[in-house]
Amino acid sequence: MRCESTVTIAKPPADVFPWLIEADRVPKWMSGLDVYEPLEPGPLRVGSRIRWELSVSGQHLRFEQEITELDAPGRAVLRFEGSGFRAANEYSVSEAPGGAQVSWVVSGDTTSFKAKLLAPMVQAKLQEKHDGDLARLRALLEGEAAAA
């Protein structure tokens, strides 16, 4: 399973990157997210764990993600396993004409029979969700710039 979305946001990468992983920002742009909660106090770092609960295509999914790579403001990888899936969220932010190019890739495998059955439906909805979420993030951040 693999979903990939990319968007250009009219802000510098350093302004965009925190919106991809910080607990006070992610819920403002990610649809279907019920819980996004760091499990350790302090700033996020490699090894930090984050509890996620979200709904995709009528399925309630629960994950504990672990940050396995963190190179702000350019890249973060959060690996997770749960609800029959083992995968990684990969965020990358780079300089682009007019701002920052943001790419979000989720790739992984199913680990249960039920997940194998649901994967085609979940993947299609997840792709639609990613595209919408990144468009929402762009509107939020560029709206902030317009309001300033």
N, C-alpha and C. Protein backbone atom coordinates (compact mmCIF):
# COMPACT_ATOMS: atom_id res chain seq x y z
N MET A 1 0.85 -1.18 0.00
CA MET A 1 0.00 0.00 0.00
C MET A 1 0.90 1.24 0.00
N ARG A 2 0.54 2.19 -0.84
CA ARG A 2 1.32 3.44 -0.90
C ARG A 2 0.41 4.57 -1.34
N CYS A 3 0.47 5.69 -0.61
CA CYS A 3 -0.22 6.92 -0.97
C CYS A 3 0.80 8.04 -0.92
N GLU A 4 0.73 8.93 -1.91
CA GLU A 4 1.67 10.05 -1.95
C GLU A 4 0.95 11.31 -2.41
N SER A 5 1.17 12.39 -1.69
CA SER A 5 0.60 13.69 -2.04
C SER A 5 1.68 14.75 -1.90
N THR A 6 1.61 15.75 -2.78
CA THR A 6 2.58 16.84 -2.76
C THR A 6 1.84 18.15 -2.99
N VAL A 7 2.29 19.19 -2.30
CA VAL A 7 1.70 20.51 -2.45
C VAL A 7 2.80 21.55 -2.25
N THR A 8 2.64 22.71 -2.89
CA THR A 8 3.56 23.83 -2.65
C THR A 8 2.82 24.86 -1.81
N ILE A 9 3.49 25.30 -0.74
CA ILE A 9 2.90 26.26 0.19
C ILE A 9 3.77 27.52 0.18
N ALA A 10 3.14 28.66 0.07
CA ALA A 10 3.85 29.94 -0.01
C ALA A 10 4.36 30.38 1.36
N LYS A 11 5.22 29.57 1.93
CA LYS A 11 5.88 29.85 3.21
C LYS A 11 7.24 29.16 3.17
N PRO A 12 8.20 29.64 3.95
CA PRO A 12 9.50 28.96 4.01
C PRO A 12 9.36 27.58 4.67
N PRO A 13 10.21 26.62 4.30
CA PRO A 13 10.15 25.28 4.91
C PRO A 13 10.16 25.30 6.44
N ALA A 14 10.94 26.19 7.04
CA ALA A 14 11.01 26.24 8.51
C ALA A 14 9.68 26.62 9.14
N ASP A 15 8.84 27.37 8.41
CA ASP A 15 7.52 27.73 8.93
C ASP A 15 6.51 26.61 8.73
N VAL A 16 6.71 25.80 7.70
CA VAL A 16 5.77 24.73 7.37
C VAL A 16 6.02 23.47 8.19
N PHE A 17 7.27 23.10 8.35
CA PHE A 17 7.62 21.81 8.95
C PHE A 17 6.95 21.52 10.30
N PRO A 18 6.92 22.45 11.26
CA PRO A 18 6.29 22.14 12.54
C PRO A 18 4.82 21.72 12.42
N TRP A 19 4.14 22.19 11.39
CA TRP A 19 2.73 21.85 11.19
C TRP A 19 2.54 20.38 10.86
N LEU A 20 3.59 19.68 10.45
CA LEU A 20 3.48 18.28 10.06
C LEU A 20 3.55 17.32 11.23
N ILE A 21 4.13 17.75 12.37
CA ILE A 21 4.32 16.79 13.46
C ILE A 21 3.92 17.30 14.84
N GLU A 22 3.81 18.59 15.05
CA GLU A 22 3.57 19.10 16.41
C GLU A 22 2.12 18.93 16.83
N ALA A 23 1.94 18.50 18.07
CA ALA A 23 0.63 18.11 18.60
C ALA A 23 -0.40 19.24 18.60
N ASP A 24 0.05 20.48 18.76
CA ASP A 24 -0.91 21.59 18.77
C ASP A 24 -1.27 22.06 17.37
N ARG A 25 -0.60 21.53 16.34
CA ARG A 25 -0.84 21.99 14.97
C ARG A 25 -1.50 20.93 14.08
N VAL A 26 -1.09 19.69 14.19
CA VAL A 26 -1.59 18.63 13.30
C VAL A 26 -3.12 18.55 13.31
N PRO A 27 -3.78 18.59 14.47
CA PRO A 27 -5.25 18.47 14.46
C PRO A 27 -5.97 19.62 13.74
N LYS A 28 -5.28 20.72 13.49
CA LYS A 28 -5.91 21.86 12.82
C LYS A 28 -6.08 21.66 11.32
N TRP A 29 -5.36 20.70 10.74
CA TRP A 29 -5.46 20.50 9.29
C TRP A 29 -5.74 19.06 8.88
N MET A 30 -5.54 18.09 9.78
CA MET A 30 -5.72 16.69 9.40
C MET A 30 -7.15 16.24 9.68
N SER A 31 -7.85 15.83 8.64
CA SER A 31 -9.25 15.40 8.78
C SER A 31 -9.33 14.01 9.40
N GLY A 32 -10.44 13.75 10.09
CA GLY A 32 -10.69 12.44 10.67
C GLY A 32 -9.85 12.11 11.87
N LEU A 33 -9.05 13.05 12.33
CA LEU A 33 -8.13 12.79 13.44
C LEU A 33 -8.85 13.04 14.75
N ASP A 34 -9.00 11.98 15.55
CA ASP A 34 -9.65 12.11 16.85
C ASP A 34 -8.64 12.32 17.98
N VAL A 35 -7.47 11.68 17.87
CA VAL A 35 -6.44 11.78 18.90
C VAL A 35 -5.08 11.89 18.22
N TYR A 36 -4.28 12.85 18.68
CA TYR A 36 -2.89 13.00 18.27
C TYR A 36 -2.16 13.45 19.52
N GLU A 37 -1.54 12.51 20.21
CA GLU A 37 -1.05 12.78 21.55
C GLU A 37 0.35 12.21 21.76
N PRO A 38 1.35 13.08 21.93
CA PRO A 38 2.69 12.58 22.28
C PRO A 38 2.63 11.83 23.61
N LEU A 39 3.37 10.72 23.68
CA LEU A 39 3.33 9.89 24.88
C LEU A 39 4.44 10.22 25.87
N GLU A 40 5.37 11.09 25.47
CA GLU A 40 6.42 11.55 26.38
C GLU A 40 6.40 13.07 26.42
N PRO A 41 6.75 13.65 27.56
CA PRO A 41 6.81 15.11 27.64
C PRO A 41 8.02 15.66 26.89
N GLY A 42 7.97 16.94 26.59
CA GLY A 42 9.11 17.60 25.98
C GLY A 42 9.01 17.64 24.47
N PRO A 43 10.03 18.24 23.84
CA PRO A 43 10.02 18.36 22.38
C PRO A 43 10.09 16.99 21.71
N LEU A 44 9.52 16.90 20.52
CA LEU A 44 9.59 15.66 19.75
C LEU A 44 11.02 15.44 19.28
N ARG A 45 11.43 14.17 19.26
CA ARG A 45 12.79 13.80 18.86
C ARG A 45 12.74 12.36 18.34
N VAL A 46 13.82 11.90 17.77
CA VAL A 46 13.89 10.49 17.36
C VAL A 46 13.63 9.64 18.60
N GLY A 47 12.72 8.68 18.45
CA GLY A 47 12.32 7.83 19.57
C GLY A 47 11.03 8.26 20.23
N SER A 48 10.60 9.51 20.02
CA SER A 48 9.32 9.96 20.58
C SER A 48 8.19 9.13 19.99
N ARG A 49 7.18 8.86 20.82
CA ARG A 49 6.01 8.11 20.38
C ARG A 49 4.78 9.01 20.44
N ILE A 50 3.89 8.83 19.47
CA ILE A 50 2.67 9.63 19.36
C ILE A 50 1.50 8.68 19.15
N ARG A 51 0.47 8.84 19.97
CA ARG A 51 -0.74 8.02 19.81
C ARG A 51 -1.66 8.72 18.83
N TRP A 52 -2.11 8.00 17.81
CA TRP A 52 -3.05 8.50 16.80
C TRP A 52 -4.31 7.67 16.84
N GLU A 53 -5.42 8.32 16.71
CA GLU A 53 -6.69 7.64 16.43
C GLU A 53 -7.36 8.46 15.35
N LEU A 54 -7.77 7.79 14.26
CA LEU A 54 -8.42 8.49 13.18
C LEU A 54 -9.43 7.58 12.48
N SER A 55 -10.32 8.22 11.76
CA SER A 55 -11.33 7.49 10.99
C SER A 55 -11.05 7.70 9.51
N VAL A 56 -11.00 6.59 8.78
CA VAL A 56 -10.82 6.62 7.33
C VAL A 56 -11.84 5.66 6.74
N SER A 57 -12.70 6.16 5.92
CA SER A 57 -13.69 5.34 5.22
C SER A 57 -14.52 4.52 6.19
N GLY A 58 -14.92 5.16 7.29
CA GLY A 58 -15.76 4.48 8.27
C GLY A 58 -15.03 3.53 9.20
N GLN A 59 -13.73 3.38 9.02
CA GLN A 59 -12.93 2.51 9.87
C GLN A 59 -12.21 3.36 10.92
N HIS A 60 -12.34 2.97 12.20
CA HIS A 60 -11.62 3.67 13.26
C HIS A 60 -10.28 2.98 13.44
N LEU A 61 -9.22 3.72 13.20
CA LEU A 61 -7.87 3.17 13.26
C LEU A 61 -7.11 3.75 14.44
N ARG A 62 -6.34 2.90 15.12
CA ARG A 62 -5.53 3.33 16.27
C ARG A 62 -4.08 2.92 16.00
N PHE A 63 -3.19 3.88 16.20
CA PHE A 63 -1.77 3.62 15.98
C PHE A 63 -0.95 4.28 17.06
N GLU A 64 0.18 3.69 17.34
CA GLU A 64 1.22 4.36 18.10
C GLU A 64 2.38 4.55 17.14
N GLN A 65 2.68 5.80 16.83
CA GLN A 65 3.76 6.09 15.89
C GLN A 65 5.04 6.39 16.65
N GLU A 66 6.14 6.02 16.06
CA GLU A 66 7.44 6.35 16.63
C GLU A 66 8.22 7.15 15.60
N ILE A 67 8.79 8.26 16.05
CA ILE A 67 9.63 9.06 15.15
C ILE A 67 10.96 8.32 14.99
N THR A 68 11.23 7.90 13.76
CA THR A 68 12.47 7.17 13.50
C THR A 68 13.51 8.02 12.77
N GLU A 69 13.06 9.10 12.15
CA GLU A 69 13.97 10.08 11.54
C GLU A 69 13.38 11.46 11.79
N LEU A 70 14.25 12.40 12.13
CA LEU A 70 13.81 13.78 12.32
C LEU A 70 14.96 14.70 11.95
N ASP A 71 14.79 15.39 10.84
CA ASP A 71 15.79 16.31 10.34
C ASP A 71 15.07 17.60 9.94
N ALA A 72 14.65 18.36 10.97
CA ALA A 72 13.90 19.59 10.73
C ALA A 72 14.79 20.64 10.08
N PRO A 73 14.29 21.40 9.16
CA PRO A 73 12.92 21.44 8.64
C PRO A 73 12.74 20.65 7.35
N GLY A 74 13.50 19.56 7.16
CA GLY A 74 13.45 18.88 5.88
C GLY A 74 12.73 17.55 5.83
N ARG A 75 12.80 16.76 6.92
CA ARG A 75 12.27 15.40 6.81
C ARG A 75 11.93 14.84 8.18
N ALA A 76 10.85 14.05 8.19
CA ALA A 76 10.47 13.29 9.38
C ALA A 76 9.85 11.98 8.91
N VAL A 77 10.18 10.90 9.61
CA VAL A 77 9.57 9.60 9.35
C VAL A 77 9.00 9.09 10.66
N LEU A 78 7.73 8.71 10.62
CA LEU A 78 7.03 8.18 11.78
C LEU A 78 6.52 6.79 11.42
N ARG A 79 7.05 5.77 12.06
CA ARG A 79 6.66 4.38 11.78
C ARG A 79 5.57 3.96 12.76
N PHE A 80 4.69 3.09 12.27
CA PHE A 80 3.60 2.64 13.13
C PHE A 80 3.12 1.25 12.75
N GLU A 81 2.48 0.63 13.72
CA GLU A 81 1.84 -0.66 13.49
C GLU A 81 0.58 -0.69 14.34
N GLY A 82 -0.51 -1.16 13.74
CA GLY A 82 -1.77 -1.26 14.47
C GLY A 82 -2.92 -1.36 13.50
N SER A 83 -4.06 -1.81 13.99
CA SER A 83 -5.27 -1.96 13.19
C SER A 83 -4.99 -2.77 11.92
N GLY A 84 -4.04 -3.71 12.00
CA GLY A 84 -3.75 -4.59 10.87
C GLY A 84 -2.79 -4.02 9.84
N PHE A 85 -2.13 -2.91 10.14
CA PHE A 85 -1.20 -2.29 9.20
C PHE A 85 0.15 -2.05 9.86
N ARG A 86 1.22 -2.15 9.07
CA ARG A 86 2.57 -1.77 9.49
C ARG A 86 3.07 -0.84 8.40
N ALA A 87 3.36 0.40 8.75
CA ALA A 87 3.67 1.39 7.71
C ALA A 87 4.48 2.54 8.28
N ALA A 88 4.72 3.52 7.41
CA ALA A 88 5.45 4.73 7.81
C ALA A 88 4.82 5.94 7.14
N ASN A 89 4.71 7.01 7.91
CA ASN A 89 4.39 8.34 7.38
C ASN A 89 5.73 9.01 7.13
N GLU A 90 5.95 9.46 5.91
CA GLU A 90 7.19 10.17 5.58
C GLU A 90 6.82 11.56 5.10
N TYR A 91 7.33 12.56 5.79
CA TYR A 91 7.11 13.95 5.42
C TYR A 91 8.44 14.53 4.94
N SER A 92 8.41 15.24 3.81
CA SER A 92 9.60 15.97 3.40
C SER A 92 9.18 17.36 2.95
N VAL A 93 10.03 18.32 3.30
CA VAL A 93 9.78 19.73 2.98
C VAL A 93 11.07 20.27 2.36
N SER A 94 10.92 20.88 1.19
CA SER A 94 12.09 21.44 0.52
C SER A 94 11.77 22.80 -0.07
N GLU A 95 12.82 23.57 -0.34
CA GLU A 95 12.66 24.86 -0.99
C GLU A 95 12.05 24.64 -2.37
N ALA A 96 11.14 25.52 -2.74
CA ALA A 96 10.53 25.47 -4.07
C ALA A 96 10.26 26.90 -4.51
N PRO A 97 10.13 27.13 -5.81
CA PRO A 97 9.77 28.48 -6.26
C PRO A 97 8.46 28.91 -5.59
N GLY A 98 8.52 30.02 -4.89
CA GLY A 98 7.32 30.52 -4.23
C GLY A 98 7.07 29.96 -2.85
N GLY A 99 7.98 29.16 -2.29
CA GLY A 99 7.76 28.67 -0.94
C GLY A 99 8.38 27.32 -0.66
N ALA A 100 7.55 26.41 -0.12
CA ALA A 100 8.02 25.09 0.29
C ALA A 100 7.21 24.01 -0.42
N GLN A 101 7.91 23.01 -0.91
CA GLN A 101 7.23 21.84 -1.45
C GLN A 101 7.12 20.81 -0.33
N VAL A 102 5.90 20.37 -0.06
CA VAL A 102 5.64 19.41 1.00
C VAL A 102 5.18 18.11 0.36
N SER A 103 5.86 17.02 0.69
CA SER A 103 5.46 15.69 0.24
C SER A 103 5.12 14.84 1.44
N TRP A 104 4.03 14.08 1.32
CA TRP A 104 3.58 13.19 2.39
C TRP A 104 3.36 11.83 1.76
N VAL A 105 4.13 10.85 2.20
CA VAL A 105 4.03 9.49 1.69
C VAL A 105 3.70 8.57 2.85
N VAL A 106 2.71 7.72 2.64
CA VAL A 106 2.43 6.62 3.56
C VAL A 106 2.64 5.35 2.77
N SER A 107 3.51 4.49 3.27
CA SER A 107 3.75 3.22 2.60
C SER A 107 3.86 2.13 3.65
N GLY A 108 3.39 0.95 3.27
CA GLY A 108 3.47 -0.15 4.21
C GLY A 108 2.73 -1.39 3.74
N ASP A 109 2.52 -2.29 4.67
CA ASP A 109 1.91 -3.59 4.40
C ASP A 109 0.80 -3.87 5.40
N THR A 110 -0.04 -4.81 5.03
CA THR A 110 -1.06 -5.29 5.96
C THR A 110 -0.49 -6.41 6.80
N THR A 111 -1.02 -6.56 8.02
CA THR A 111 -0.54 -7.60 8.92
C THR A 111 -1.66 -8.52 9.40
N SER A 112 -2.86 -8.34 8.87
CA SER A 112 -3.97 -9.21 9.25
C SER A 112 -4.84 -9.48 8.02
N PHE A 113 -5.60 -10.56 8.09
CA PHE A 113 -6.50 -10.90 7.00
C PHE A 113 -7.55 -9.82 6.78
N LYS A 114 -8.12 -9.30 7.87
CA LYS A 114 -9.13 -8.24 7.75
C LYS A 114 -8.55 -7.02 7.04
N ALA A 115 -7.32 -6.63 7.43
CA ALA A 115 -6.69 -5.47 6.80
C ALA A 115 -6.43 -5.72 5.31
N LYS A 116 -6.06 -6.95 4.95
CA LYS A 116 -5.85 -7.27 3.54
C LYS A 116 -7.13 -7.07 2.75
N LEU A 117 -8.26 -7.43 3.33
CA LEU A 117 -9.54 -7.24 2.66
C LEU A 117 -9.90 -5.76 2.54
N LEU A 118 -9.59 -4.99 3.58
CA LEU A 118 -9.94 -3.57 3.60
C LEU A 118 -8.96 -2.68 2.84
N ALA A 119 -7.74 -3.16 2.62
CA ALA A 119 -6.67 -2.32 2.08
C ALA A 119 -7.04 -1.59 0.79
N PRO A 120 -7.64 -2.23 -0.22
CA PRO A 120 -7.95 -1.47 -1.44
C PRO A 120 -8.90 -0.29 -1.19
N MET A 121 -9.91 -0.51 -0.35
CA MET A 121 -10.86 0.57 -0.04
C MET A 121 -10.18 1.66 0.79
N VAL A 122 -9.41 1.23 1.79
CA VAL A 122 -8.73 2.20 2.66
C VAL A 122 -7.71 3.00 1.86
N GLN A 123 -6.97 2.35 0.96
CA GLN A 123 -5.96 3.06 0.18
C GLN A 123 -6.59 4.16 -0.67
N ALA A 124 -7.68 3.85 -1.34
CA ALA A 124 -8.33 4.86 -2.18
C ALA A 124 -8.82 6.04 -1.34
N LYS A 125 -9.43 5.75 -0.21
CA LYS A 125 -9.92 6.83 0.67
C LYS A 125 -8.76 7.57 1.31
N LEU A 126 -7.70 6.85 1.64
CA LEU A 126 -6.54 7.50 2.26
C LEU A 126 -5.89 8.47 1.28
N GLN A 127 -5.81 8.09 0.00
CA GLN A 127 -5.24 9.00 -1.00
C GLN A 127 -6.08 10.27 -1.10
N GLU A 128 -7.38 10.10 -1.15
CA GLU A 128 -8.29 11.25 -1.20
C GLU A 128 -8.14 12.12 0.05
N LYS A 129 -8.00 11.46 1.21
CA LYS A 129 -7.82 12.18 2.48
C LYS A 129 -6.50 12.97 2.47
N HIS A 130 -5.41 12.34 2.03
CA HIS A 130 -4.11 13.03 1.99
C HIS A 130 -4.16 14.26 1.11
N ASP A 131 -4.72 14.10 -0.09
CA ASP A 131 -4.82 15.24 -1.00
C ASP A 131 -5.60 16.39 -0.35
N GLY A 132 -6.72 16.05 0.27
CA GLY A 132 -7.54 17.07 0.94
C GLY A 132 -6.85 17.68 2.13
N ASP A 133 -6.15 16.85 2.92
CA ASP A 133 -5.46 17.36 4.11
C ASP A 133 -4.34 18.34 3.73
N LEU A 134 -3.56 18.01 2.71
CA LEU A 134 -2.49 18.93 2.31
C LEU A 134 -3.05 20.21 1.71
N ALA A 135 -4.16 20.11 1.00
CA ALA A 135 -4.82 21.32 0.49
C ALA A 135 -5.31 22.18 1.66
N ARG A 136 -5.82 21.53 2.70
CA ARG A 136 -6.29 22.25 3.90
C ARG A 136 -5.11 22.92 4.61
N LEU A 137 -3.97 22.21 4.69
CA LEU A 137 -2.78 22.79 5.31
C LEU A 137 -2.31 24.01 4.53
N ARG A 138 -2.29 23.90 3.21
CA ARG A 138 -1.89 25.05 2.38
C ARG A 138 -2.82 26.24 2.61
N ALA A 139 -4.13 25.99 2.59
CA ALA A 139 -5.10 27.08 2.80
C ALA A 139 -4.91 27.71 4.18
N LEU A 140 -4.68 26.89 5.18
CA LEU A 140 -4.49 27.38 6.55
C LEU A 140 -3.24 28.27 6.63
N LEU A 141 -2.13 27.78 6.11
CA LEU A 141 -0.88 28.53 6.23
C LEU A 141 -0.85 29.76 5.32
N GLU A 142 -1.39 29.63 4.12
CA GLU A 142 -1.40 30.79 3.24
C GLU A 142 -2.45 31.80 3.69
N GLY A 143 -3.51 31.34 4.31
CA GLY A 143 -4.50 32.25 4.91
C GLY A 143 -3.91 33.02 6.06
N GLU A 144 -3.03 32.34 6.82
CA GLU A 144 -2.31 33.00 7.92
C GLU A 144 -1.46 34.14 7.37
N ALA A 145 -0.79 33.87 6.23
CA ALA A 145 0.07 34.89 5.62
C ALA A 145 -0.78 36.08 5.15
N ALA A 146 -1.96 35.78 4.60
CA ALA A 146 -2.83 36.85 4.11
C ALA A 146 -3.38 37.67 5.25
N ALA A 147 -3.61 37.03 6.41
CA ALA A 147 -4.17 37.72 7.56
C ALA A 147 -3.12 38.59 8.28
N ALA A 148 -1.84 38.25 8.06
CA ALA A 148 -0.77 38.98 8.76
C ALA A 148 -0.56 40.38 8.22
